């Protein structure tokens, strides 16, 4: 005798998520461009939501590669962040073509009992990428 089980027919509730393309670009002048996709639910009560990226390579310190303001409507959207990592006079080139590690964060700013907004991380993940030279 077959037993019937209820089947969920409602769509799953959208969740905050972010992904990084496996390849990033590095231009001859050091400009790094990273991209991926994100999905976020409406965070209207907490203000704007941003996609921020940091990159490390060969044990270098983490450096910011820009940010993108997110549209939080539950749909998947592309993001692209570009930046030129800072270098100190004693540094060799900050980044080069090859493997790197990217930390991507979806964040908003919230005031917690005071007047100073502090970052609130909705998603925080690390992903390996390969930087590819572009002309």
N, C-alpha and C. Protein backbone atom coordinates (compact mmCIF):
# COMPACT_ATOMS: atom_id res chain seq x y z
N UNK A 1 0.84 -1.17 0.00
CA UNK A 1 0.00 0.00 0.00
C UNK A 1 0.90 1.24 0.00
N UNK A 2 0.65 2.15 -0.89
CA UNK A 2 1.44 3.38 -0.99
C UNK A 2 0.91 4.39 0.02
N UNK A 3 1.84 5.10 0.61
CA UNK A 3 1.48 6.13 1.57
C UNK A 3 1.73 7.49 0.94
N UNK A 4 0.79 8.37 1.04
CA UNK A 4 0.95 9.70 0.47
C UNK A 4 1.55 10.63 1.50
N UNK A 5 2.52 11.42 1.06
CA UNK A 5 3.14 12.43 1.91
C UNK A 5 2.84 13.80 1.32
N UNK A 6 2.63 14.78 2.17
CA UNK A 6 2.37 16.11 1.64
C UNK A 6 3.61 16.62 0.89
N UNK A 7 3.36 17.32 -0.19
CA UNK A 7 4.43 17.88 -0.99
C UNK A 7 4.38 19.40 -0.87
N UNK A 8 5.52 19.99 -0.57
CA UNK A 8 5.57 21.46 -0.46
C UNK A 8 5.46 22.05 -1.86
N UNK A 9 4.50 22.92 -2.05
CA UNK A 9 4.32 23.53 -3.36
C UNK A 9 4.69 25.00 -3.36
N UNK A 10 4.89 25.58 -2.18
CA UNK A 10 5.25 26.99 -2.11
C UNK A 10 6.73 27.16 -2.39
N UNK A 11 7.08 28.26 -3.03
CA UNK A 11 8.49 28.55 -3.30
C UNK A 11 9.22 28.80 -1.98
N UNK A 12 10.46 28.40 -1.95
CA UNK A 12 11.27 28.63 -0.75
C UNK A 12 11.44 30.13 -0.54
N UNK A 13 11.51 30.52 0.71
CA UNK A 13 11.73 31.91 1.06
C UNK A 13 13.10 32.36 0.55
N UNK A 14 13.20 33.49 -0.14
CA UNK A 14 14.51 33.94 -0.63
C UNK A 14 15.44 34.24 0.55
N UNK A 15 16.71 33.97 0.33
CA UNK A 15 17.70 34.21 1.37
C UNK A 15 18.81 35.08 0.80
N UNK A 16 19.59 35.66 1.69
CA UNK A 16 20.74 36.45 1.28
C UNK A 16 21.84 35.51 0.83
N UNK A 17 22.40 35.74 -0.36
CA UNK A 17 23.50 34.92 -0.85
C UNK A 17 24.35 35.75 -1.80
N UNK A 18 25.60 35.34 -1.96
CA UNK A 18 26.51 36.04 -2.86
C UNK A 18 27.48 35.02 -3.45
N UNK A 19 27.84 35.20 -4.71
CA UNK A 19 28.81 34.31 -5.35
C UNK A 19 29.86 35.15 -6.05
N UNK A 20 31.01 34.54 -6.31
CA UNK A 20 32.12 35.21 -6.99
C UNK A 20 32.48 34.40 -8.23
N UNK A 21 32.66 35.08 -9.37
CA UNK A 21 33.12 34.39 -10.58
C UNK A 21 34.51 33.81 -10.30
N UNK A 22 34.83 32.68 -10.89
CA UNK A 22 36.11 32.04 -10.62
C UNK A 22 37.30 32.77 -11.22
N UNK A 23 37.05 33.69 -12.17
CA UNK A 23 38.12 34.48 -12.78
C UNK A 23 37.88 35.96 -12.55
N UNK A 24 38.92 36.67 -12.13
CA UNK A 24 38.89 38.12 -12.02
C UNK A 24 39.87 38.68 -13.04
N UNK A 25 39.87 39.98 -13.21
CA UNK A 25 40.76 40.60 -14.19
C UNK A 25 41.74 41.52 -13.48
N UNK A 26 42.97 41.57 -14.01
CA UNK A 26 43.95 42.53 -13.55
C UNK A 26 44.55 43.21 -14.76
N UNK A 27 44.44 44.55 -14.80
CA UNK A 27 44.95 45.34 -15.92
C UNK A 27 46.42 45.67 -15.69
N UNK A 28 47.07 46.10 -16.75
CA UNK A 28 48.50 46.45 -16.67
C UNK A 28 48.76 47.54 -15.64
N UNK A 29 47.80 48.43 -15.40
CA UNK A 29 47.98 49.50 -14.42
C UNK A 29 47.62 49.08 -12.99
N UNK A 30 47.31 47.78 -12.79
CA UNK A 30 47.01 47.26 -11.45
C UNK A 30 45.54 47.26 -11.08
N UNK A 31 44.66 47.75 -11.94
CA UNK A 31 43.23 47.76 -11.64
C UNK A 31 42.71 46.33 -11.61
N UNK A 32 42.12 45.95 -10.48
CA UNK A 32 41.55 44.61 -10.31
C UNK A 32 40.03 44.72 -10.42
N UNK A 33 39.42 43.81 -11.20
CA UNK A 33 37.97 43.77 -11.35
C UNK A 33 37.48 42.38 -10.98
N UNK A 34 36.54 42.35 -10.05
CA UNK A 34 35.92 41.10 -9.59
C UNK A 34 34.43 41.20 -9.85
N UNK A 35 33.78 40.05 -10.05
CA UNK A 35 32.34 40.06 -10.30
C UNK A 35 31.71 38.79 -9.79
N UNK A 36 30.39 38.79 -9.78
CA UNK A 36 29.63 37.63 -9.34
C UNK A 36 28.15 37.96 -9.34
N UNK A 37 27.40 37.24 -8.53
CA UNK A 37 25.97 37.48 -8.41
C UNK A 37 25.60 37.54 -6.94
N UNK A 38 24.45 38.13 -6.66
CA UNK A 38 23.93 38.18 -5.29
C UNK A 38 22.42 38.12 -5.33
N UNK A 39 21.87 37.77 -4.20
CA UNK A 39 20.41 37.79 -3.98
C UNK A 39 20.23 38.23 -2.53
N UNK A 40 19.33 39.17 -2.32
CA UNK A 40 19.05 39.56 -0.94
C UNK A 40 17.57 39.90 -0.78
N UNK A 41 17.12 39.70 0.45
CA UNK A 41 15.74 40.04 0.78
C UNK A 41 15.70 41.52 1.13
N UNK A 42 14.53 42.09 1.20
CA UNK A 42 14.36 43.51 1.47
C UNK A 42 14.89 43.84 2.86
N UNK A 43 15.89 44.70 2.91
CA UNK A 43 16.47 45.13 4.18
C UNK A 43 16.12 46.59 4.44
N UNK A 44 14.96 47.01 3.97
CA UNK A 44 14.58 48.42 4.03
C UNK A 44 14.67 48.99 5.45
N UNK A 45 14.39 48.15 6.44
CA UNK A 45 14.42 48.66 7.80
C UNK A 45 15.83 49.02 8.26
N UNK A 46 16.83 48.54 7.55
CA UNK A 46 18.20 48.82 7.98
C UNK A 46 18.96 49.70 7.00
N UNK A 47 18.30 50.20 5.98
CA UNK A 47 18.98 51.09 5.04
C UNK A 47 19.60 50.33 3.89
N UNK A 48 20.56 50.96 3.25
CA UNK A 48 21.20 50.39 2.07
C UNK A 48 21.99 49.14 2.39
N UNK A 49 22.09 48.26 1.40
CA UNK A 49 22.88 47.02 1.50
C UNK A 49 23.97 47.10 0.44
N UNK A 50 25.17 46.65 0.79
CA UNK A 50 26.32 46.74 -0.10
C UNK A 50 27.00 45.39 -0.28
N UNK A 51 27.64 45.22 -1.44
CA UNK A 51 28.50 44.07 -1.71
C UNK A 51 29.93 44.62 -1.68
N UNK A 52 30.72 44.19 -0.71
CA UNK A 52 32.10 44.67 -0.56
C UNK A 52 33.06 43.50 -0.77
N UNK A 53 34.20 43.78 -1.40
CA UNK A 53 35.17 42.72 -1.67
C UNK A 53 36.56 43.12 -1.20
N UNK A 54 37.28 42.13 -0.71
CA UNK A 54 38.69 42.25 -0.33
C UNK A 54 39.44 41.12 -1.02
N UNK A 55 40.71 41.36 -1.34
CA UNK A 55 41.50 40.35 -2.03
C UNK A 55 42.86 40.19 -1.35
N UNK A 56 43.35 38.95 -1.33
CA UNK A 56 44.71 38.65 -0.86
C UNK A 56 45.36 37.74 -1.90
N UNK A 57 46.68 37.82 -1.97
CA UNK A 57 47.42 36.97 -2.90
C UNK A 57 48.82 36.77 -2.34
N UNK A 58 49.28 35.53 -2.33
CA UNK A 58 50.64 35.20 -1.87
C UNK A 58 50.95 35.77 -0.49
N UNK A 59 49.99 35.70 0.41
CA UNK A 59 50.23 36.14 1.78
C UNK A 59 50.20 37.65 1.98
N UNK A 60 49.80 38.42 0.96
CA UNK A 60 49.71 39.88 1.14
C UNK A 60 48.57 40.21 2.08
N UNK A 61 48.60 41.41 2.62
CA UNK A 61 47.49 41.82 3.46
C UNK A 61 46.25 42.02 2.58
N UNK A 62 45.10 41.87 3.20
CA UNK A 62 43.83 42.00 2.49
C UNK A 62 43.63 43.46 2.08
N UNK A 63 43.21 43.65 0.82
CA UNK A 63 42.96 45.00 0.33
C UNK A 63 41.58 45.08 -0.30
N UNK A 64 40.92 46.21 -0.10
CA UNK A 64 39.57 46.42 -0.62
C UNK A 64 39.59 46.62 -2.13
N UNK A 65 38.62 45.99 -2.78
CA UNK A 65 38.42 46.16 -4.22
C UNK A 65 37.01 46.68 -4.43
N UNK A 66 36.70 47.81 -3.86
CA UNK A 66 35.45 48.49 -4.14
C UNK A 66 34.21 47.89 -3.51
N UNK A 67 33.09 48.50 -3.84
CA UNK A 67 31.80 48.06 -3.33
C UNK A 67 30.69 48.44 -4.28
N UNK A 68 29.57 47.74 -4.16
CA UNK A 68 28.41 47.94 -5.01
C UNK A 68 27.18 48.01 -4.13
N UNK A 69 26.28 48.95 -4.40
CA UNK A 69 25.03 48.98 -3.66
C UNK A 69 24.10 47.93 -4.24
N UNK A 70 23.48 47.14 -3.37
CA UNK A 70 22.62 46.03 -3.78
C UNK A 70 21.16 46.47 -3.91
N UNK A 71 20.44 45.78 -4.77
CA UNK A 71 18.99 45.92 -4.91
C UNK A 71 18.40 44.68 -4.25
N UNK A 72 17.74 44.86 -3.12
CA UNK A 72 17.24 43.71 -2.35
C UNK A 72 15.77 43.46 -2.63
N UNK A 73 15.52 42.72 -3.71
CA UNK A 73 14.15 42.40 -4.09
C UNK A 73 13.91 40.89 -4.16
N UNK A 74 14.87 40.11 -3.65
CA UNK A 74 14.73 38.65 -3.66
C UNK A 74 15.17 38.01 -4.97
N UNK A 75 15.52 38.82 -5.98
CA UNK A 75 15.96 38.28 -7.27
C UNK A 75 17.48 38.26 -7.35
N UNK A 76 18.01 37.44 -8.25
CA UNK A 76 19.45 37.38 -8.44
C UNK A 76 19.90 38.55 -9.34
N UNK A 77 20.99 39.21 -8.94
CA UNK A 77 21.54 40.34 -9.68
C UNK A 77 23.04 40.17 -9.83
N UNK A 78 23.63 40.72 -10.91
CA UNK A 78 25.09 40.69 -11.04
C UNK A 78 25.71 41.85 -10.23
N UNK A 79 26.95 41.67 -9.80
CA UNK A 79 27.71 42.75 -9.20
C UNK A 79 29.11 42.77 -9.81
N UNK A 80 29.72 43.93 -9.86
CA UNK A 80 31.10 44.09 -10.33
C UNK A 80 31.76 45.14 -9.46
N UNK A 81 32.92 44.82 -8.90
CA UNK A 81 33.69 45.76 -8.10
C UNK A 81 35.07 45.90 -8.73
N UNK A 82 35.55 47.12 -8.82
CA UNK A 82 36.89 47.37 -9.35
C UNK A 82 37.64 48.29 -8.41
N UNK A 83 38.94 48.09 -8.34
CA UNK A 83 39.77 48.96 -7.51
C UNK A 83 41.23 48.72 -7.78
N UNK A 84 42.01 49.70 -7.45
CA UNK A 84 43.45 49.62 -7.60
C UNK A 84 44.02 49.53 -6.20
N UNK A 85 44.49 48.34 -5.81
CA UNK A 85 45.03 48.19 -4.46
C UNK A 85 46.18 49.16 -4.23
N UNK A 86 46.23 49.70 -3.01
CA UNK A 86 47.30 50.65 -2.69
C UNK A 86 48.61 49.89 -2.52
N UNK A 87 49.69 50.57 -2.85
CA UNK A 87 51.02 49.99 -2.66
C UNK A 87 51.87 50.98 -1.91
N UNK A 88 52.74 50.47 -1.10
CA UNK A 88 53.71 51.28 -0.38
C UNK A 88 54.96 51.38 -1.25
N UNK A 89 55.79 52.39 -1.06
CA UNK A 89 56.99 52.53 -1.88
C UNK A 89 57.90 51.29 -1.84
N UNK A 90 57.85 50.52 -0.75
CA UNK A 90 58.70 49.34 -0.63
C UNK A 90 58.06 48.09 -1.21
N UNK A 91 56.78 48.17 -1.59
CA UNK A 91 56.08 47.01 -2.14
C UNK A 91 56.50 46.73 -3.57
N UNK A 92 56.51 45.46 -3.90
CA UNK A 92 56.58 45.07 -5.30
C UNK A 92 55.14 45.20 -5.77
N UNK A 93 54.82 44.96 -7.03
CA UNK A 93 53.45 45.08 -7.53
C UNK A 93 52.49 44.43 -6.55
N UNK A 94 51.38 45.12 -6.27
CA UNK A 94 50.43 44.65 -5.27
C UNK A 94 49.83 43.29 -5.63
N UNK A 95 49.41 43.13 -6.87
CA UNK A 95 48.80 41.88 -7.32
C UNK A 95 49.25 41.57 -8.73
N UNK A 96 49.18 40.29 -9.10
CA UNK A 96 49.60 39.86 -10.43
C UNK A 96 48.64 38.76 -10.90
N UNK A 97 48.73 38.42 -12.17
CA UNK A 97 47.92 37.31 -12.69
C UNK A 97 48.26 36.05 -11.90
N UNK A 98 47.24 35.26 -11.60
CA UNK A 98 47.43 34.01 -10.87
C UNK A 98 46.39 33.85 -9.78
N UNK A 99 46.56 32.81 -8.93
CA UNK A 99 45.57 32.52 -7.89
C UNK A 99 45.53 33.60 -6.81
N UNK A 100 44.34 33.83 -6.30
CA UNK A 100 44.12 34.79 -5.21
C UNK A 100 42.93 34.32 -4.39
N UNK A 101 42.72 34.96 -3.26
CA UNK A 101 41.59 34.65 -2.39
C UNK A 101 40.75 35.91 -2.24
N UNK A 102 39.44 35.79 -2.44
CA UNK A 102 38.53 36.93 -2.33
C UNK A 102 37.59 36.71 -1.16
N UNK A 103 37.43 37.76 -0.36
CA UNK A 103 36.41 37.76 0.68
C UNK A 103 35.32 38.71 0.20
N UNK A 104 34.12 38.19 0.09
CA UNK A 104 32.99 39.01 -0.35
C UNK A 104 31.99 39.07 0.79
N UNK A 105 31.52 40.28 1.06
CA UNK A 105 30.58 40.50 2.16
C UNK A 105 29.38 41.28 1.67
N UNK A 106 28.22 40.84 2.12
CA UNK A 106 26.99 41.61 1.94
C UNK A 106 26.75 42.25 3.30
N UNK A 107 26.67 43.57 3.33
CA UNK A 107 26.53 44.23 4.62
C UNK A 107 25.63 45.43 4.54
N UNK A 108 25.18 45.82 5.70
CA UNK A 108 24.39 47.03 5.87
C UNK A 108 24.93 47.71 7.12
N UNK A 109 24.45 48.89 7.40
CA UNK A 109 24.88 49.61 8.60
C UNK A 109 23.68 49.81 9.50
N UNK A 110 23.89 49.52 10.77
CA UNK A 110 22.80 49.65 11.75
C UNK A 110 23.31 50.39 12.98
N UNK A 111 22.41 51.13 13.59
CA UNK A 111 22.75 51.79 14.85
C UNK A 111 22.28 50.89 15.98
N UNK A 112 23.19 50.57 16.86
CA UNK A 112 22.87 49.67 17.97
C UNK A 112 22.90 50.47 19.28
N UNK A 113 21.81 51.19 19.56
CA UNK A 113 21.69 51.92 20.81
C UNK A 113 22.46 53.22 20.85
N UNK A 114 23.13 53.55 19.81
CA UNK A 114 23.88 54.80 19.79
C UNK A 114 23.61 55.56 18.52
N UNK A 115 24.44 56.52 18.22
CA UNK A 115 24.23 57.33 17.02
C UNK A 115 25.15 56.94 15.89
N UNK A 116 26.16 56.10 16.17
CA UNK A 116 27.14 55.73 15.15
C UNK A 116 26.74 54.43 14.46
N UNK A 117 26.45 54.47 13.16
CA UNK A 117 26.10 53.22 12.45
C UNK A 117 27.31 52.30 12.36
N UNK A 118 27.09 51.03 12.64
CA UNK A 118 28.14 50.02 12.58
C UNK A 118 27.78 48.98 11.52
N UNK A 119 28.81 48.36 10.89
CA UNK A 119 28.50 47.35 9.86
C UNK A 119 27.83 46.13 10.48
N UNK A 120 26.85 45.63 9.75
CA UNK A 120 26.15 44.39 10.12
C UNK A 120 26.27 43.48 8.90
N UNK A 121 26.95 42.34 9.07
CA UNK A 121 27.21 41.45 7.94
C UNK A 121 26.06 40.48 7.74
N UNK A 122 25.51 40.49 6.52
CA UNK A 122 24.43 39.58 6.17
C UNK A 122 24.99 38.29 5.58
N UNK A 123 26.08 38.39 4.81
CA UNK A 123 26.78 37.25 4.23
C UNK A 123 28.26 37.57 4.27
N UNK A 124 29.07 36.59 4.62
CA UNK A 124 30.53 36.77 4.64
C UNK A 124 31.12 35.45 4.16
N UNK A 125 31.76 35.47 3.00
CA UNK A 125 32.32 34.21 2.49
C UNK A 125 33.64 34.47 1.77
N UNK A 126 34.47 33.44 1.73
CA UNK A 126 35.74 33.50 1.00
C UNK A 126 35.66 32.55 -0.18
N UNK A 127 36.28 32.98 -1.29
CA UNK A 127 36.28 32.17 -2.51
C UNK A 127 37.63 32.30 -3.21
N UNK A 128 38.14 31.19 -3.75
CA UNK A 128 39.36 31.29 -4.56
C UNK A 128 39.01 31.85 -5.93
N UNK A 129 39.91 32.67 -6.48
CA UNK A 129 39.74 33.20 -7.83
C UNK A 129 41.10 33.13 -8.54
N UNK A 130 41.07 33.22 -9.83
CA UNK A 130 42.28 33.34 -10.63
C UNK A 130 42.23 34.69 -11.33
N UNK A 131 43.25 35.52 -11.07
CA UNK A 131 43.33 36.81 -11.76
C UNK A 131 43.95 36.58 -13.13
N UNK A 132 43.32 37.12 -14.16
CA UNK A 132 43.77 36.99 -15.54
C UNK A 132 44.16 38.37 -16.05
N UNK A 133 45.32 38.47 -16.70
CA UNK A 133 45.78 39.75 -17.25
C UNK A 133 44.89 40.23 -18.38
N UNK A 134 44.60 41.53 -18.37
CA UNK A 134 43.88 42.15 -19.48
C UNK A 134 44.74 43.29 -20.02
N UNK A 135 44.61 43.61 -21.28
CA UNK A 135 45.45 44.68 -21.86
C UNK A 135 45.13 46.05 -21.28
